[in-house]
Amino acid sequence: SSGEISVAQTPGAQSAAAGQTVSIRCKTDTLIGDDMNWYLQISGEAPKLLIADTTLRQSGVPSF
């Protein structure tokens, strides 16, 4: 419907050991400017906001 944006994440899910580096790529089907938020979800836990509006790292989130 109108106003919906589709986001494709590659890979769809990523597992990693502590300290391991992972890469995730997201692509939208329409131009969204800087309106992308990044969350970390650990199995069994609620999602945690890491980065808001593409570049605004949240308090306590280390640089990459």
PDB file of N, CA and C in Angstrom:
ATOM      1  N   SER A   1       0.833  -1.194   0.000  1.00  0.00           N
ATOM      2  CA  SER A   1       0.000   0.000   0.000  1.00  0.00           C
ATOM      3  C   SER A   1       0.869   1.245   0.000  1.00  0.00           C
ATOM      4  N   SER A   2       0.272   2.384  -0.208  1.00  0.00           N
ATOM      5  CA  SER A   2       0.991   3.642  -0.289  1.00  0.00           C
ATOM      6  C   SER A   2       1.711   3.951   1.015  1.00  0.00           C
ATOM      7  N   GLY A   3       2.941   4.457   0.914  1.00  0.00           N
ATOM      8  CA  GLY A   3       3.699   4.838   2.095  1.00  0.00           C
ATOM      9  C   GLY A   3       4.566   3.741   2.670  1.00  0.00           C
ATOM     10  N   GLU A   4       4.439   2.527   2.178  1.00  0.00           N
ATOM     11  CA  GLU A   4       5.259   1.435   2.693  1.00  0.00           C
ATOM     12  C   GLU A   4       6.609   1.413   1.986  1.00  0.00           C
ATOM     13  N   ILE A   5       7.655   1.105   2.751  1.00  0.00           N
ATOM     14  CA  ILE A   5       9.003   0.986   2.204  1.00  0.00           C
ATOM     15  C   ILE A   5       9.493  -0.421   2.474  1.00  0.00           C
ATOM     16  N   SER A   6      10.008  -1.050   1.447  1.00  0.00           N
ATOM     17  CA  SER A   6      10.556  -2.395   1.591  1.00  0.00           C
ATOM     18  C   SER A   6      12.059  -2.299   1.834  1.00  0.00           C
ATOM     19  N   VAL A   7      12.552  -3.069   2.819  1.00  0.00           N
ATOM     20  CA  VAL A   7      13.978  -3.103   3.139  1.00  0.00           C
ATOM     21  C   VAL A   7      14.474  -4.531   2.985  1.00  0.00           C
ATOM     22  N   ALA A   8      15.549  -4.698   2.220  1.00  0.00           N
ATOM     23  CA  ALA A   8      16.175  -6.012   2.056  1.00  0.00           C
ATOM     24  C   ALA A   8      17.489  -6.016   2.826  1.00  0.00           C
ATOM     25  N   GLN A   9      17.646  -6.964   3.751  1.00  0.00           N
ATOM     26  CA  GLN A   9      18.869  -7.091   4.547  1.00  0.00           C
ATOM     27  C   GLN A   9      19.634  -8.320   4.081  1.00  0.00           C
ATOM     28  N   THR A  10      20.937  -8.148   3.866  1.00  0.00           N
ATOM     29  CA  THR A  10      21.802  -9.252   3.458  1.00  0.00           C
ATOM     30  C   THR A  10      22.983  -9.350   4.417  1.00  0.00           C
ATOM     31  N   PRO A  11      23.207 -10.479   5.068  1.00  0.00           N
ATOM     32  CA  PRO A  11      22.324 -11.641   5.115  1.00  0.00           C
ATOM     33  C   PRO A  11      21.094 -11.344   5.963  1.00  0.00           C
ATOM     34  N   GLY A  12      20.083 -12.201   5.874  1.00  0.00           N
ATOM     35  CA  GLY A  12      18.845 -11.998   6.624  1.00  0.00           C
ATOM     36  C   GLY A  12      19.059 -12.060   8.122  1.00  0.00           C
ATOM     37  N   ALA A  13      20.006 -12.871   8.563  1.00  0.00           N
ATOM     38  CA  ALA A  13      20.381 -12.979   9.978  1.00  0.00           C
ATOM     39  C   ALA A  13      21.873 -13.255  10.024  1.00  0.00           C
ATOM     40  N   GLN A  14      22.506 -12.864  11.114  1.00  0.00           N
ATOM     41  CA  GLN A  14      23.952 -13.054  11.233  1.00  0.00           C
ATOM     42  C   GLN A  14      24.277 -13.532  12.632  1.00  0.00           C
ATOM     43  N   SER A  15      25.009 -14.620  12.727  1.00  0.00           N
ATOM     44  CA  SER A  15      25.480 -15.121  14.020  1.00  0.00           C
ATOM     45  C   SER A  15      26.961 -14.811  14.146  1.00  0.00           C
ATOM     46  N   ALA A  16      27.408 -14.535  15.372  1.00  0.00           N
ATOM     47  CA  ALA A  16      28.822 -14.228  15.583  1.00  0.00           C
ATOM     48  C   ALA A  16      29.215 -14.542  17.014  1.00  0.00           C
ATOM     49  N   ALA A  17      30.474 -14.875  17.187  1.00  0.00           N
ATOM     50  CA  ALA A  17      31.035 -15.058  18.523  1.00  0.00           C
ATOM     51  C   ALA A  17      31.412 -13.684  19.070  1.00  0.00           C
ATOM     52  N   ALA A  18      31.528 -13.580  20.381  1.00  0.00           N
ATOM     53  CA  ALA A  18      31.915 -12.318  21.014  1.00  0.00           C
ATOM     54  C   ALA A  18      33.241 -11.830  20.432  1.00  0.00           C
ATOM     55  N   GLY A  19      33.282 -10.553  20.043  1.00  0.00           N
ATOM     56  CA  GLY A  19      34.489  -9.961  19.490  1.00  0.00           C
ATOM     57  C   GLY A  19      34.648 -10.131  17.995  1.00  0.00           C
ATOM     58  N   GLN A  20      33.807 -10.931  17.378  1.00  0.00           N
ATOM     59  CA  GLN A  20      33.888 -11.169  15.937  1.00  0.00           C
ATOM     60  C   GLN A  20      33.219 -10.027  15.182  1.00  0.00           C
ATOM     61  N   THR A  21      33.806  -9.636  14.070  1.00  0.00           N
ATOM     62  CA  THR A  21      33.249  -8.586  13.227  1.00  0.00           C
ATOM     63  C   THR A  21      32.253  -9.181  12.236  1.00  0.00           C
ATOM     64  N   VAL A  22      31.122  -8.514  12.075  1.00  0.00           N
ATOM     65  CA  VAL A  22      30.131  -8.928  11.082  1.00  0.00           C
ATOM     66  C   VAL A  22      29.773  -7.731  10.208  1.00  0.00           C
ATOM     67  N   SER A  23      29.301  -8.012   9.022  1.00  0.00           N
ATOM     68  CA  SER A  23      28.834  -6.967   8.111  1.00  0.00           C
ATOM     69  C   SER A  23      27.414  -7.287   7.687  1.00  0.00           C
ATOM     70  N   ILE A  24      26.571  -6.272   7.712  1.00  0.00           N
ATOM     71  CA  ILE A  24      25.182  -6.402   7.290  1.00  0.00           C
ATOM     72  C   ILE A  24      24.894  -5.240   6.347  1.00  0.00           C
ATOM     73  N   ARG A  25      24.229  -5.541   5.243  1.00  0.00           N
ATOM     74  CA  ARG A  25      23.888  -4.508   4.269  1.00  0.00           C
ATOM     75  C   ARG A  25      22.372  -4.431   4.140  1.00  0.00           C
ATOM     76  N   CYS A  26      21.844  -3.213   4.141  1.00  0.00           N
ATOM     77  CA  CYS A  26      20.410  -3.020   3.939  1.00  0.00           C
ATOM     78  C   CYS A  26      20.187  -2.097   2.751  1.00  0.00           C
ATOM     79  N   LYS A  27      19.179  -2.441   1.953  1.00  0.00           N
ATOM     80  CA  LYS A  27      18.840  -1.638   0.779  1.00  0.00           C
ATOM     81  C   LYS A  27      17.334  -1.431   0.759  1.00  0.00           C
ATOM     82  N   THR A  28      16.921  -0.193   0.519  1.00  0.00           N
ATOM     83  CA  THR A  28      15.495   0.119   0.446  1.00  0.00           C
ATOM     84  C   THR A  28      15.054   0.212  -1.009  1.00  0.00           C
ATOM     85  N   ASP A  29      13.754   0.067  -1.218  1.00  0.00           N
ATOM     86  CA  ASP A  29      13.222   0.142  -2.577  1.00  0.00           C
ATOM     87  C   ASP A  29      12.842   1.563  -2.978  1.00  0.00           C
ATOM     88  N   THR A  30      13.103   2.509  -2.102  1.00  0.00           N
ATOM     89  CA  THR A  30      12.833   3.912  -2.396  1.00  0.00           C
ATOM     90  C   THR A  30      13.832   4.771  -1.624  1.00  0.00           C
ATOM     91  N   LEU A  31      14.049   5.988  -2.073  1.00  0.00           N
ATOM     92  CA  LEU A  31      14.986   6.891  -1.424  1.00  0.00           C
ATOM     93  C   LEU A  31      14.458   7.287  -0.047  1.00  0.00           C
ATOM     94  N   ILE A  32      15.265   7.091   1.001  1.00  0.00           N
ATOM     95  CA  ILE A  32      14.818   7.413   2.359  1.00  0.00           C
ATOM     96  C   ILE A  32      15.699   8.458   3.039  1.00  0.00           C
ATOM     97  N   GLY A  33      16.665   9.008   2.330  1.00  0.00           N
ATOM     98  CA  GLY A  33      17.564   9.977   2.946  1.00  0.00           C
ATOM     99  C   GLY A  33      18.338   9.324   4.069  1.00  0.00           C
ATOM    100  N   ASP A  34      18.320   9.957   5.247  1.00  0.00           N
ATOM    101  CA  ASP A  34      19.065   9.391   6.382  1.00  0.00           C
ATOM    102  C   ASP A  34      18.132   8.768   7.424  1.00  0.00           C
ATOM    103  N   ASP A  35      16.969   8.333   7.006  1.00  0.00           N
ATOM    104  CA  ASP A  35      15.971   7.791   7.939  1.00  0.00           C
ATOM    105  C   ASP A  35      16.109   6.287   8.168  1.00  0.00           C
ATOM    106  N   MET A  36      17.335   5.826   8.430  1.00  0.00           N
ATOM    107  CA  MET A  36      17.570   4.401   8.692  1.00  0.00           C
ATOM    108  C   MET A  36      18.073   4.244  10.126  1.00  0.00           C
ATOM    109  N   ASN A  37      17.435   3.351  10.860  1.00  0.00           N
ATOM    110  CA  ASN A  37      17.878   3.026  12.216  1.00  0.00           C
ATOM    111  C   ASN A  37      18.442   1.613  12.227  1.00  0.00           C
ATOM    112  N   TRP A  38      19.460   1.396  13.058  1.00  0.00           N
ATOM    113  CA  TRP A  38      20.088   0.078  13.183  1.00  0.00           C
ATOM    114  C   TRP A  38      19.896  -0.447  14.595  1.00  0.00           C
ATOM    115  N   TYR A  39      19.450  -1.694  14.683  1.00  0.00           N
ATOM    116  CA  TYR A  39      19.202  -2.341  15.969  1.00  0.00           C
ATOM    117  C   TYR A  39      20.034  -3.611  16.075  1.00  0.00           C
ATOM    118  N   LEU A  40      20.407  -3.943  17.288  1.00  0.00           N
ATOM    119  CA  LEU A  40      21.027  -5.232  17.585  1.00  0.00           C
ATOM    120  C   LEU A  40      20.008  -6.045  18.364  1.00  0.00           C
ATOM    121  N   GLN A  41      19.746  -7.258  17.908  1.00  0.00           N
ATOM    122  CA  GLN A  41      18.876  -8.140  18.677  1.00  0.00           C
ATOM    123  C   GLN A  41      19.621  -9.429  18.963  1.00  0.00           C
ATOM    124  N   ILE A  42      19.866  -9.668  20.234  1.00  0.00           N
ATOM    125  CA  ILE A  42      20.490 -10.898  20.694  1.00  0.00           C
ATOM    126  C   ILE A  42      19.376 -11.880  20.993  1.00  0.00           C
ATOM    127  N   SER A  43      19.594 -13.119  20.612  1.00  0.00           N
ATOM    128  CA  SER A  43      18.575 -14.154  20.793  1.00  0.00           C
ATOM    129  C   SER A  43      18.024 -14.137  22.213  1.00  0.00           C
ATOM    130  N   GLY A  44      16.697 -14.076  22.331  1.00  0.00           N
ATOM    131  CA  GLY A  44      16.034 -14.082  23.628  1.00  0.00           C
ATOM    132  C   GLY A  44      15.930 -12.722  24.291  1.00  0.00           C
ATOM    133  N   GLU A  45      16.471 -11.675  23.657  1.00  0.00           N
ATOM    134  CA  GLU A  45      16.437 -10.322  24.223  1.00  0.00           C
ATOM    135  C   GLU A  45      15.672  -9.375  23.300  1.00  0.00           C
ATOM    136  N   ALA A  46      15.252  -8.253  23.867  1.00  0.00           N
ATOM    137  CA  ALA A  46      14.575  -7.223  23.078  1.00  0.00           C
ATOM    138  C   ALA A  46      15.594  -6.517  22.181  1.00  0.00           C
ATOM    139  N   PRO A  47      15.158  -5.997  21.030  1.00  0.00           N
ATOM    140  CA  PRO A  47      16.077  -5.243  20.165  1.00  0.00           C
ATOM    141  C   PRO A  47      16.622  -4.011  20.887  1.00  0.00           C
ATOM    142  N   LYS A  48      17.888  -3.661  20.593  1.00  0.00           N
ATOM    143  CA  LYS A  48      18.538  -2.489  21.184  1.00  0.00           C
ATOM    144  C   LYS A  48      18.919  -1.539  20.053  1.00  0.00           C
ATOM    145  N   LEU A  49      18.476  -0.279  20.156  1.00  0.00           N
ATOM    146  CA  LEU A  49      18.817   0.719  19.148  1.00  0.00           C
ATOM    147  C   LEU A  49      20.302   1.042  19.244  1.00  0.00           C
ATOM    148  N   LEU A  50      21.026   0.884  18.141  1.00  0.00           N
ATOM    149  CA  LEU A  50      22.451   1.203  18.091  1.00  0.00           C
ATOM    150  C   LEU A  50      22.696   2.550  17.433  1.00  0.00           C
ATOM    151  N   ILE A  51      22.067   2.754  16.267  1.00  0.00           N
ATOM    152  CA  ILE A  51      22.295   3.957  15.473  1.00  0.00           C
ATOM    153  C   ILE A  51      20.952   4.466  14.971  1.00  0.00           C
ATOM    154  N   ALA A  52      20.698   5.752  15.184  1.00  0.00           N
ATOM    155  CA  ALA A  52      19.470   6.385  14.706  1.00  0.00           C
ATOM    156  C   ALA A  52      19.805   7.308  13.539  1.00  0.00           C
ATOM    157  N   ASP A  53      18.867   7.468  12.636  1.00  0.00           N
ATOM    158  CA  ASP A  53      19.019   8.382  11.495  1.00  0.00           C
ATOM    159  C   ASP A  53      20.353   8.189  10.771  1.00  0.00           C
ATOM    160  N   THR A  54      20.730   6.955  10.544  1.00  0.00           N
ATOM    161  CA  THR A  54      21.897   6.530   9.767  1.00  0.00           C
ATOM    162  C   THR A  54      23.230   6.713  10.483  1.00  0.00           C
ATOM    163  N   THR A  55      23.424   7.801  11.244  1.00  0.00           N
ATOM    164  CA  THR A  55      24.753   8.089  11.795  1.00  0.00           C
ATOM    165  C   THR A  55      24.787   8.427  13.281  1.00  0.00           C
ATOM    166  N   LEU A  56      23.646   8.554  13.947  1.00  0.00           N
ATOM    167  CA  LEU A  56      23.630   9.011  15.340  1.00  0.00           C
ATOM    168  C   LEU A  56      23.777   7.831  16.298  1.00  0.00           C
ATOM    169  N   ARG A  57      25.041   7.554  16.667  1.00  0.00           N
ATOM    170  CA  ARG A  57      25.333   6.448  17.570  1.00  0.00           C
ATOM    171  C   ARG A  57      24.755   6.748  18.950  1.00  0.00           C
ATOM    172  N   GLN A  58      24.069   5.783  19.522  1.00  0.00           N
ATOM    173  CA  GLN A  58      23.434   5.958  20.820  1.00  0.00           C
ATOM    174  C   GLN A  58      24.461   5.887  21.943  1.00  0.00           C
ATOM    175  N   SER A  59      24.126   6.474  23.082  1.00  0.00           N
ATOM    176  CA  SER A  59      25.018   6.488  24.237  1.00  0.00           C
ATOM    177  C   SER A  59      25.415   5.066  24.616  1.00  0.00           C
ATOM    178  N   GLY A  60      26.705   4.855  24.835  1.00  0.00           N
ATOM    179  CA  GLY A  60      27.196   3.547  25.243  1.00  0.00           C
ATOM    180  C   GLY A  60      27.493   2.596  24.102  1.00  0.00           C
ATOM    181  N   VAL A  61      27.206   3.008  22.872  1.00  0.00           N
ATOM    182  CA  VAL A  61      27.487   2.159  21.707  1.00  0.00           C
ATOM    183  C   VAL A  61      28.875   2.521  21.184  1.00  0.00           C
ATOM    184  N   PRO A  62      29.802   1.561  21.142  1.00  0.00           N
ATOM    185  CA  PRO A  62      31.166   1.873  20.688  1.00  0.00           C
ATOM    186  C   PRO A  62      31.206   2.192  19.199  1.00  0.00           C
ATOM    187  N   SER A  63      32.248   2.907  18.781  1.00  0.00           N
ATOM    188  CA  SER A  63      32.422   3.188  17.354  1.00  0.00           C
ATOM    189  C   SER A  63      32.818   1.908  16.637  1.00  0.00           C
ATOM    190  N   PHE A  64      32.606   1.891  15.339  1.00  0.00           N
ATOM    191  CA  PHE A  64      32.871   0.692  14.547  1.00  0.00           C
ATOM    192  C   PHE A  64      34.153   0.847  13.778  1.00  0.00           C
TER     193      PHE A  64
END
